[in-house]
Amino acid sequence: MTRCEECGYDWDADPIDIAVFADRYAKPLTRFLPADDPDVVLRTRPEPTVWSALEYAAHVRDAFGFYGGRIGRALSEDRPQFSPRDPDAVCEERRYNEEDPAATLVGLAAAANDLAALLADLDDAQWERVGVGIDGDERTVRVLARRAAHEGSHHLLDIGRVLRHVRQTLER
C-alpha cells in the first residue's frame, strides 16, 4: 500500500510532516459562510454514526497524542506492548462534541507540534525501534509516525465531507 485511495496519503513519503496539520485543520474549522451558524455547522453529525467536524478534530488531536505516547514508549522501552483503544468510546467519554472549538484547535496544534518535535531528530536506528500490538505484530516508530500522519490527512478529508453534507442539509 503506497497511497490511501480515499485521501491520497502517500505511505512512502519522507519526511513525515505532522506539523502541517495545525494550520491545515484551522482553515476549515474557522472559516464560515455568511449563512452558517458556526456552532451548528461544527457540532452537527451528518448521520448518528458519523462524527461531527468538531469530533473529528478532537479525535485527531488525541490521536497525535496517542501516537506520540506509543512512539515515546518505543524509543524508551524495549519492545513495549501496546494496548488497543476504541476511538468511538473515547469520543463519547471525552465528550468531544461539547468542547470549545477554539480550544480544540489550540490543542490539535500543540499535539501536532509536540509529535513533530519528537520525530524531528531521530536517527535511523530510532526510526526502526518497535513496539508490539495486541495482535503480536511489530510496529516501528516509522510506521507509527506514518499512521499518525495518515490520521491527520484522512480525517481532514472527513471534515470536508461532513461540513459539505451539513451545509447542504441545513440549506434545505
N, C-alpha and C. Protein backbone atom coordinates (compact mmCIF):
# COMPACT_ATOMS: atom_id res chain seq x y z
N MET A 1 0.87 -1.18 0.00
CA MET A 1 0.00 0.00 0.00
C MET A 1 0.91 1.23 0.00
N THR A 2 0.86 2.01 -1.04
CA THR A 2 1.69 3.21 -1.07
C THR A 2 0.85 4.48 -0.96
N ARG A 3 -0.41 4.42 -1.32
CA ARG A 3 -1.25 5.62 -1.28
C ARG A 3 -2.66 5.23 -0.84
N CYS A 4 -3.22 6.03 0.08
CA CYS A 4 -4.60 5.79 0.51
C CYS A 4 -5.52 6.17 -0.65
N GLU A 5 -6.39 5.26 -1.03
CA GLU A 5 -7.28 5.51 -2.16
C GLU A 5 -8.26 6.64 -1.91
N GLU A 6 -8.62 6.87 -0.65
CA GLU A 6 -9.59 7.92 -0.34
C GLU A 6 -8.94 9.29 -0.19
N CYS A 7 -7.94 9.39 0.67
CA CYS A 7 -7.39 10.72 0.99
C CYS A 7 -6.11 11.05 0.23
N GLY A 8 -5.51 10.06 -0.41
CA GLY A 8 -4.30 10.30 -1.18
C GLY A 8 -3.03 10.29 -0.36
N TYR A 9 -3.11 9.97 0.93
CA TYR A 9 -1.90 9.95 1.75
C TYR A 9 -0.88 8.98 1.17
N ASP A 10 0.35 9.43 1.03
CA ASP A 10 1.45 8.63 0.49
C ASP A 10 2.19 7.97 1.64
N TRP A 11 1.99 6.66 1.80
CA TRP A 11 2.59 5.91 2.90
C TRP A 11 4.10 5.81 2.80
N ASP A 12 4.67 6.13 1.66
CA ASP A 12 6.11 6.04 1.49
C ASP A 12 6.81 7.39 1.51
N ALA A 13 6.05 8.47 1.71
CA ALA A 13 6.63 9.82 1.65
C ALA A 13 7.56 10.08 2.83
N ASP A 14 8.64 10.72 2.54
CA ASP A 14 9.55 11.23 3.56
C ASP A 14 9.85 12.66 3.21
N PRO A 15 9.99 13.55 4.13
CA PRO A 15 9.85 13.29 5.55
C PRO A 15 8.38 13.18 5.95
N ILE A 16 8.17 12.65 7.12
CA ILE A 16 6.82 12.53 7.68
C ILE A 16 6.55 13.86 8.38
N ASP A 17 5.64 14.65 7.81
CA ASP A 17 5.41 16.00 8.30
C ASP A 17 4.09 16.09 9.06
N ILE A 18 4.18 16.14 10.37
CA ILE A 18 2.99 16.22 11.22
C ILE A 18 2.63 17.68 11.50
N ALA A 19 3.63 18.54 11.58
CA ALA A 19 3.40 19.94 11.97
C ALA A 19 2.45 20.67 11.03
N VAL A 20 2.36 20.24 9.76
CA VAL A 20 1.49 20.93 8.80
C VAL A 20 0.02 20.88 9.19
N PHE A 21 -0.35 19.91 10.01
CA PHE A 21 -1.77 19.74 10.31
C PHE A 21 -2.33 20.82 11.21
N ALA A 22 -1.52 21.49 11.99
CA ALA A 22 -2.03 22.56 12.85
C ALA A 22 -2.73 23.62 12.00
N ASP A 23 -2.09 24.05 10.95
CA ASP A 23 -2.66 25.06 10.07
C ASP A 23 -3.74 24.49 9.16
N ARG A 24 -3.53 23.27 8.68
CA ARG A 24 -4.49 22.68 7.75
C ARG A 24 -5.85 22.43 8.40
N TYR A 25 -5.89 22.17 9.68
CA TYR A 25 -7.17 21.97 10.36
C TYR A 25 -7.83 23.28 10.72
N ALA A 26 -7.04 24.29 11.00
CA ALA A 26 -7.61 25.58 11.41
C ALA A 26 -8.48 26.17 10.31
N LYS A 27 -8.07 26.04 9.08
CA LYS A 27 -8.81 26.67 7.98
C LYS A 27 -10.26 26.21 7.86
N PRO A 28 -10.54 24.93 7.69
CA PRO A 28 -11.95 24.54 7.51
C PRO A 28 -12.79 24.70 8.78
N LEU A 29 -12.14 24.76 9.92
CA LEU A 29 -12.88 24.83 11.18
C LEU A 29 -13.06 26.25 11.71
N THR A 30 -12.56 27.22 10.95
CA THR A 30 -12.70 28.61 11.40
C THR A 30 -13.25 29.53 10.31
N ARG A 31 -13.42 29.02 9.13
CA ARG A 31 -13.96 29.83 8.02
C ARG A 31 -15.39 29.39 7.75
N PHE A 32 -16.29 30.35 7.81
CA PHE A 32 -17.70 30.01 7.66
C PHE A 32 -18.35 30.86 6.59
N LEU A 33 -19.40 30.31 6.02
CA LEU A 33 -20.19 31.02 5.02
C LEU A 33 -21.09 32.01 5.75
N PRO A 34 -21.53 33.07 5.07
CA PRO A 34 -22.37 34.08 5.74
C PRO A 34 -23.61 33.50 6.42
N ALA A 35 -24.21 32.48 5.85
CA ALA A 35 -25.43 31.92 6.42
C ALA A 35 -25.16 30.89 7.52
N ASP A 36 -23.89 30.54 7.75
CA ASP A 36 -23.56 29.50 8.73
C ASP A 36 -23.74 29.96 10.16
N ASP A 37 -24.24 29.08 10.98
CA ASP A 37 -24.13 29.20 12.44
C ASP A 37 -22.96 28.30 12.79
N PRO A 38 -21.79 28.86 13.10
CA PRO A 38 -20.60 28.03 13.31
C PRO A 38 -20.79 26.89 14.31
N ASP A 39 -21.50 27.17 15.39
CA ASP A 39 -21.72 26.15 16.40
C ASP A 39 -22.50 24.96 15.83
N VAL A 40 -23.51 25.24 15.06
CA VAL A 40 -24.32 24.18 14.46
C VAL A 40 -23.52 23.43 13.39
N VAL A 41 -22.83 24.17 12.55
CA VAL A 41 -22.06 23.55 11.46
C VAL A 41 -20.97 22.63 12.02
N LEU A 42 -20.29 23.05 13.07
CA LEU A 42 -19.19 22.25 13.63
C LEU A 42 -19.66 21.05 14.44
N ARG A 43 -20.84 21.16 15.07
CA ARG A 43 -21.27 20.11 16.01
C ARG A 43 -22.29 19.13 15.43
N THR A 44 -22.79 19.38 14.23
CA THR A 44 -23.81 18.50 13.67
C THR A 44 -23.19 17.25 13.07
N ARG A 45 -23.73 16.12 13.45
CA ARG A 45 -23.33 14.86 12.85
C ARG A 45 -24.20 14.65 11.61
N PRO A 46 -23.60 14.29 10.47
CA PRO A 46 -24.40 14.06 9.26
C PRO A 46 -25.28 12.83 9.38
N GLU A 47 -24.85 11.88 10.19
CA GLU A 47 -25.60 10.67 10.50
C GLU A 47 -25.24 10.30 11.94
N PRO A 48 -26.08 9.56 12.61
CA PRO A 48 -25.79 9.23 14.02
C PRO A 48 -24.44 8.55 14.25
N THR A 49 -23.98 7.77 13.27
CA THR A 49 -22.72 7.04 13.45
C THR A 49 -21.51 7.73 12.81
N VAL A 50 -21.71 8.94 12.27
CA VAL A 50 -20.61 9.69 11.64
C VAL A 50 -20.34 10.90 12.51
N TRP A 51 -19.09 11.09 12.88
CA TRP A 51 -18.72 12.19 13.75
C TRP A 51 -18.95 13.56 13.11
N SER A 52 -19.11 14.54 13.95
CA SER A 52 -19.17 15.94 13.51
C SER A 52 -17.75 16.40 13.17
N ALA A 53 -17.65 17.56 12.54
CA ALA A 53 -16.34 18.13 12.23
C ALA A 53 -15.54 18.37 13.51
N LEU A 54 -16.20 18.86 14.54
CA LEU A 54 -15.51 19.10 15.81
C LEU A 54 -15.02 17.79 16.43
N GLU A 55 -15.83 16.76 16.35
CA GLU A 55 -15.41 15.46 16.89
C GLU A 55 -14.21 14.90 16.14
N TYR A 56 -14.19 15.06 14.82
CA TYR A 56 -13.02 14.62 14.06
C TYR A 56 -11.77 15.39 14.49
N ALA A 57 -11.89 16.68 14.66
CA ALA A 57 -10.73 17.49 15.06
C ALA A 57 -10.23 17.06 16.44
N ALA A 58 -11.14 16.85 17.38
CA ALA A 58 -10.74 16.42 18.73
C ALA A 58 -10.09 15.03 18.67
N HIS A 59 -10.63 14.17 17.83
CA HIS A 59 -10.06 12.83 17.67
C HIS A 59 -8.62 12.92 17.14
N VAL A 60 -8.39 13.77 16.14
CA VAL A 60 -7.05 13.90 15.58
C VAL A 60 -6.09 14.45 16.64
N ARG A 61 -6.54 15.43 17.40
CA ARG A 61 -5.71 15.96 18.50
C ARG A 61 -5.28 14.82 19.41
N ASP A 62 -6.25 14.00 19.83
CA ASP A 62 -5.94 12.91 20.73
C ASP A 62 -5.14 11.80 20.05
N ALA A 63 -5.39 11.59 18.77
CA ALA A 63 -4.62 10.58 18.03
C ALA A 63 -3.15 10.97 17.96
N PHE A 64 -2.86 12.25 17.73
CA PHE A 64 -1.46 12.69 17.73
C PHE A 64 -0.82 12.44 19.09
N GLY A 65 -1.55 12.71 20.15
CA GLY A 65 -1.04 12.42 21.49
C GLY A 65 -0.87 10.93 21.74
N PHE A 66 -1.83 10.16 21.27
CA PHE A 66 -1.79 8.70 21.40
C PHE A 66 -0.56 8.14 20.69
N TYR A 67 -0.36 8.55 19.44
CA TYR A 67 0.81 8.06 18.71
C TYR A 67 2.10 8.59 19.30
N GLY A 68 2.08 9.81 19.79
CA GLY A 68 3.27 10.34 20.47
C GLY A 68 3.63 9.48 21.68
N GLY A 69 2.61 9.06 22.44
CA GLY A 69 2.85 8.19 23.59
C GLY A 69 3.43 6.84 23.18
N ARG A 70 2.89 6.28 22.13
CA ARG A 70 3.40 4.99 21.64
C ARG A 70 4.84 5.14 21.14
N ILE A 71 5.08 6.19 20.39
CA ILE A 71 6.44 6.41 19.86
C ILE A 71 7.41 6.64 21.01
N GLY A 72 7.00 7.43 21.99
CA GLY A 72 7.86 7.66 23.16
C GLY A 72 8.21 6.37 23.87
N ARG A 73 7.21 5.49 24.02
CA ARG A 73 7.47 4.20 24.65
C ARG A 73 8.41 3.35 23.81
N ALA A 74 8.19 3.33 22.49
CA ALA A 74 9.07 2.53 21.61
C ALA A 74 10.51 3.04 21.66
N LEU A 75 10.67 4.34 21.86
CA LEU A 75 12.02 4.90 21.93
C LEU A 75 12.69 4.65 23.28
N SER A 76 11.90 4.50 24.33
CA SER A 76 12.50 4.39 25.67
C SER A 76 12.40 3.00 26.30
N GLU A 77 11.56 2.13 25.74
CA GLU A 77 11.40 0.78 26.29
C GLU A 77 11.78 -0.24 25.22
N ASP A 78 12.14 -1.42 25.67
CA ASP A 78 12.46 -2.50 24.74
C ASP A 78 11.18 -3.26 24.41
N ARG A 79 10.71 -3.12 23.18
CA ARG A 79 9.54 -3.82 22.66
C ARG A 79 8.30 -3.67 23.56
N PRO A 80 7.87 -2.45 23.84
CA PRO A 80 6.69 -2.27 24.68
C PRO A 80 5.46 -2.90 24.04
N GLN A 81 4.56 -3.36 24.88
CA GLN A 81 3.30 -3.94 24.43
C GLN A 81 2.26 -2.82 24.39
N PHE A 82 1.62 -2.64 23.24
CA PHE A 82 0.63 -1.59 23.06
C PHE A 82 -0.78 -2.14 23.27
N SER A 83 -1.57 -1.39 23.99
CA SER A 83 -2.97 -1.76 24.22
C SER A 83 -3.83 -1.09 23.15
N PRO A 84 -4.93 -1.75 22.78
CA PRO A 84 -5.82 -1.13 21.80
C PRO A 84 -6.63 -0.02 22.44
N ARG A 85 -7.23 0.80 21.61
CA ARG A 85 -8.17 1.81 22.08
C ARG A 85 -9.35 1.85 21.14
N ASP A 86 -10.46 2.28 21.65
CA ASP A 86 -11.69 2.36 20.87
C ASP A 86 -11.99 3.84 20.64
N PRO A 87 -11.72 4.36 19.45
CA PRO A 87 -11.92 5.80 19.20
C PRO A 87 -13.35 6.27 19.46
N ASP A 88 -14.34 5.45 19.13
CA ASP A 88 -15.73 5.86 19.37
C ASP A 88 -16.01 5.99 20.86
N ALA A 89 -15.49 5.07 21.66
CA ALA A 89 -15.68 5.15 23.11
C ALA A 89 -14.98 6.39 23.67
N VAL A 90 -13.78 6.67 23.18
CA VAL A 90 -13.05 7.86 23.64
C VAL A 90 -13.83 9.12 23.28
N CYS A 91 -14.39 9.16 22.09
CA CYS A 91 -15.19 10.31 21.64
C CYS A 91 -16.34 10.57 22.61
N GLU A 92 -17.02 9.52 22.99
CA GLU A 92 -18.16 9.65 23.91
C GLU A 92 -17.68 10.00 25.32
N GLU A 93 -16.66 9.29 25.82
CA GLU A 93 -16.17 9.53 27.17
C GLU A 93 -15.67 10.96 27.36
N ARG A 94 -14.96 11.46 26.36
CA ARG A 94 -14.36 12.80 26.48
C ARG A 94 -15.30 13.90 25.99
N ARG A 95 -16.45 13.49 25.50
CA ARG A 95 -17.49 14.43 25.07
C ARG A 95 -16.94 15.47 24.08
N TYR A 96 -16.33 14.95 23.05
CA TYR A 96 -15.71 15.81 22.04
C TYR A 96 -16.65 16.88 21.49
N ASN A 97 -17.90 16.53 21.29
CA ASN A 97 -18.82 17.46 20.64
C ASN A 97 -19.24 18.61 21.55
N GLU A 98 -18.85 18.53 22.81
CA GLU A 98 -19.16 19.61 23.75
C GLU A 98 -17.96 20.54 23.98
N GLU A 99 -16.84 20.24 23.35
CA GLU A 99 -15.64 21.04 23.53
C GLU A 99 -15.77 22.41 22.88
N ASP A 100 -14.97 23.33 23.36
CA ASP A 100 -14.86 24.63 22.74
C ASP A 100 -14.02 24.46 21.46
N PRO A 101 -14.56 24.84 20.29
CA PRO A 101 -13.82 24.62 19.04
C PRO A 101 -12.44 25.30 19.02
N ALA A 102 -12.35 26.50 19.56
CA ALA A 102 -11.05 27.20 19.56
C ALA A 102 -10.04 26.44 20.42
N ALA A 103 -10.48 25.96 21.56
CA ALA A 103 -9.58 25.20 22.43
C ALA A 103 -9.17 23.88 21.78
N THR A 104 -10.08 23.26 21.06
CA THR A 104 -9.76 22.02 20.35
C THR A 104 -8.67 22.27 19.32
N LEU A 105 -8.80 23.37 18.58
CA LEU A 105 -7.77 23.69 17.57
C LEU A 105 -6.43 24.02 18.21
N VAL A 106 -6.44 24.73 19.33
CA VAL A 106 -5.19 25.01 20.04
C VAL A 106 -4.54 23.71 20.49
N GLY A 107 -5.36 22.80 21.02
CA GLY A 107 -4.85 21.51 21.45
C GLY A 107 -4.33 20.67 20.30
N LEU A 108 -5.03 20.71 19.16
CA LEU A 108 -4.59 19.97 17.99
C LEU A 108 -3.25 20.51 17.50
N ALA A 109 -3.11 21.82 17.46
CA ALA A 109 -1.84 22.42 17.03
C ALA A 109 -0.71 22.03 17.97
N ALA A 110 -0.98 22.07 19.27
CA ALA A 110 0.05 21.70 20.25
C ALA A 110 0.43 20.23 20.10
N ALA A 111 -0.56 19.35 19.95
CA ALA A 111 -0.28 17.92 19.79
C ALA A 111 0.51 17.65 18.51
N ALA A 112 0.14 18.33 17.42
CA ALA A 112 0.87 18.16 16.15
C ALA A 112 2.31 18.63 16.31
N ASN A 113 2.50 19.77 16.94
CA ASN A 113 3.85 20.30 17.13
C ASN A 113 4.67 19.44 18.07
N ASP A 114 4.05 18.92 19.13
CA ASP A 114 4.76 18.03 20.05
C ASP A 114 5.21 16.76 19.34
N LEU A 115 4.32 16.17 18.55
CA LEU A 115 4.69 14.95 17.83
C LEU A 115 5.76 15.24 16.79
N ALA A 116 5.64 16.35 16.10
CA ALA A 116 6.67 16.73 15.11
C ALA A 116 8.02 16.91 15.79
N ALA A 117 8.03 17.53 16.97
CA ALA A 117 9.28 17.73 17.70
C ALA A 117 9.88 16.40 18.14
N LEU A 118 9.03 15.46 18.56
CA LEU A 118 9.51 14.15 18.97
C LEU A 118 10.19 13.43 17.81
N LEU A 119 9.66 13.63 16.60
CA LEU A 119 10.19 12.94 15.42
C LEU A 119 11.37 13.66 14.77
N ALA A 120 11.56 14.92 15.09
CA ALA A 120 12.47 15.79 14.34
C ALA A 120 13.91 15.30 14.22
N ASP A 121 14.46 14.78 15.26
CA ASP A 121 15.90 14.47 15.24
C ASP A 121 16.20 12.99 15.42
N LEU A 122 15.26 12.13 15.02
CA LEU A 122 15.50 10.70 15.18
C LEU A 122 16.57 10.22 14.20
N ASP A 123 17.41 9.30 14.67
CA ASP A 123 18.38 8.70 13.76
C ASP A 123 17.78 7.42 13.17
N ASP A 124 18.49 6.81 12.25
CA ASP A 124 17.97 5.63 11.55
C ASP A 124 17.58 4.51 12.51
N ALA A 125 18.39 4.29 13.53
CA ALA A 125 18.10 3.21 14.49
C ALA A 125 16.83 3.51 15.28
N GLN A 126 16.61 4.76 15.63
CA GLN A 126 15.41 5.13 16.38
C GLN A 126 14.15 4.95 15.54
N TRP A 127 14.22 5.27 14.25
CA TRP A 127 13.06 5.09 13.37
C TRP A 127 12.66 3.62 13.29
N GLU A 128 13.59 2.71 13.52
CA GLU A 128 13.33 1.28 13.39
C GLU A 128 13.03 0.59 14.72
N ARG A 129 13.03 1.32 15.81
CA ARG A 129 12.64 0.72 17.10
C ARG A 129 11.18 0.28 17.02
N VAL A 130 10.83 -0.75 17.79
CA VAL A 130 9.49 -1.32 17.66
C VAL A 130 8.75 -1.40 18.98
N GLY A 131 7.43 -1.41 18.82
CA GLY A 131 6.50 -1.77 19.88
C GLY A 131 5.66 -2.90 19.30
N VAL A 132 4.93 -3.59 20.17
CA VAL A 132 4.17 -4.75 19.74
C VAL A 132 2.69 -4.53 20.03
N GLY A 133 1.87 -4.71 19.01
CA GLY A 133 0.43 -4.57 19.15
C GLY A 133 -0.19 -5.79 19.81
N ILE A 134 -1.44 -5.67 20.17
CA ILE A 134 -2.17 -6.77 20.82
C ILE A 134 -2.22 -8.00 19.92
N ASP A 135 -2.12 -7.76 18.59
CA ASP A 135 -2.14 -8.86 17.62
C ASP A 135 -0.78 -9.54 17.47
N GLY A 136 0.23 -9.03 18.20
CA GLY A 136 1.57 -9.60 18.12
C GLY A 136 2.44 -9.00 17.04
N ASP A 137 1.86 -8.16 16.18
CA ASP A 137 2.63 -7.54 15.11
C ASP A 137 3.51 -6.42 15.65
N GLU A 138 4.72 -6.34 15.10
CA GLU A 138 5.63 -5.26 15.46
C GLU A 138 5.27 -4.01 14.67
N ARG A 139 5.40 -2.86 15.34
CA ARG A 139 5.16 -1.57 14.70
C ARG A 139 6.39 -0.71 14.96
N THR A 140 7.07 -0.34 13.88
CA THR A 140 8.23 0.53 14.05
C THR A 140 7.79 1.96 14.34
N VAL A 141 8.71 2.75 14.84
CA VAL A 141 8.44 4.17 15.06
C VAL A 141 8.02 4.81 13.74
N ARG A 142 8.67 4.42 12.65
CA ARG A 142 8.32 4.97 11.33
C ARG A 142 6.86 4.64 10.98
N VAL A 143 6.45 3.42 11.20
CA VAL A 143 5.06 3.02 10.90
C VAL A 143 4.09 3.80 11.79
N LEU A 144 4.41 3.93 13.07
CA LEU A 144 3.54 4.69 13.97
C LEU A 144 3.42 6.14 13.53
N ALA A 145 4.54 6.73 13.13
CA ALA A 145 4.51 8.13 12.67
C ALA A 145 3.69 8.26 11.39
N ARG A 146 3.82 7.30 10.49
CA ARG A 146 3.02 7.32 9.26
C ARG A 146 1.53 7.15 9.57
N ARG A 147 1.21 6.31 10.53
CA ARG A 147 -0.19 6.14 10.91
C ARG A 147 -0.75 7.45 11.46
N ALA A 148 0.04 8.14 12.27
CA ALA A 148 -0.40 9.43 12.80
C ALA A 148 -0.63 10.43 11.66
N ALA A 149 0.30 10.48 10.72
CA ALA A 149 0.17 11.40 9.59
C ALA A 149 -1.05 11.03 8.74
N HIS A 150 -1.30 9.73 8.58
CA HIS A 150 -2.48 9.32 7.82
C HIS A 150 -3.76 9.72 8.55
N GLU A 151 -3.78 9.60 9.87
CA GLU A 151 -4.95 10.07 10.64
C GLU A 151 -5.21 11.54 10.31
N GLY A 152 -4.15 12.35 10.35
CA GLY A 152 -4.31 13.77 10.05
C GLY A 152 -4.83 14.02 8.65
N SER A 153 -4.28 13.33 7.69
CA SER A 153 -4.67 13.50 6.30
C SER A 153 -6.10 13.01 6.05
N HIS A 154 -6.39 11.82 6.51
CA HIS A 154 -7.68 11.21 6.21
C HIS A 154 -8.83 11.95 6.89
N HIS A 155 -8.64 12.33 8.13
CA HIS A 155 -9.72 12.99 8.84
C HIS A 155 -9.93 14.44 8.39
N LEU A 156 -8.93 15.03 7.79
CA LEU A 156 -9.14 16.34 7.16
C LEU A 156 -10.12 16.19 6.00
N LEU A 157 -9.97 15.12 5.24
CA LEU A 157 -10.93 14.80 4.18
C LEU A 157 -12.32 14.56 4.77
N ASP A 158 -12.38 13.79 5.86
CA ASP A 158 -13.66 13.53 6.52
C ASP A 158 -14.33 14.82 6.96
N ILE A 159 -13.56 15.75 7.51
CA ILE A 159 -14.12 17.03 7.95
C ILE A 159 -14.72 17.78 6.78
N GLY A 160 -14.02 17.80 5.67
CA GLY A 160 -14.56 18.46 4.47
C GLY A 160 -15.87 17.84 4.04
N ARG A 161 -15.93 16.52 4.05
CA ARG A 161 -17.17 15.82 3.68
C ARG A 161 -18.31 16.17 4.63
N VAL A 162 -18.02 16.14 5.92
CA VAL A 162 -19.04 16.43 6.93
C VAL A 162 -19.54 17.85 6.78
N LEU A 163 -18.63 18.80 6.64
CA LEU A 163 -19.05 20.20 6.52
C LEU A 163 -19.92 20.41 5.28
N ARG A 164 -19.54 19.81 4.16
CA ARG A 164 -20.36 19.94 2.95
C ARG A 164 -21.75 19.34 3.16
N HIS A 165 -21.80 18.15 3.74
CA HIS A 165 -23.08 17.49 3.97
C HIS A 165 -23.96 18.31 4.92
N VAL A 166 -23.39 18.77 6.00
CA VAL A 166 -24.16 19.53 6.99
C VAL A 166 -24.69 20.81 6.35
N ARG A 167 -23.85 21.52 5.61
CA ARG A 167 -24.30 22.76 4.97
C ARG A 167 -25.42 22.48 3.97
N GLN A 168 -25.29 21.42 3.18
CA GLN A 168 -26.34 21.08 2.21
C GLN A 168 -27.64 20.73 2.93
N THR A 169 -27.54 20.01 4.01
CA THR A 169 -28.74 19.63 4.77
C THR A 169 -29.42 20.85 5.39
N LEU A 170 -28.62 21.76 5.92
CA LEU A 170 -29.17 22.95 6.55
C LEU A 170 -29.81 23.92 5.55
N GLU A 171 -29.34 23.88 4.29
CA GLU A 171 -29.89 24.75 3.25
C GLU A 171 -31.31 24.35 2.86
N ARG A 172 -31.66 23.12 3.06
CA ARG A 172 -32.97 22.61 2.61
C ARG A 172 -34.10 23.17 3.41
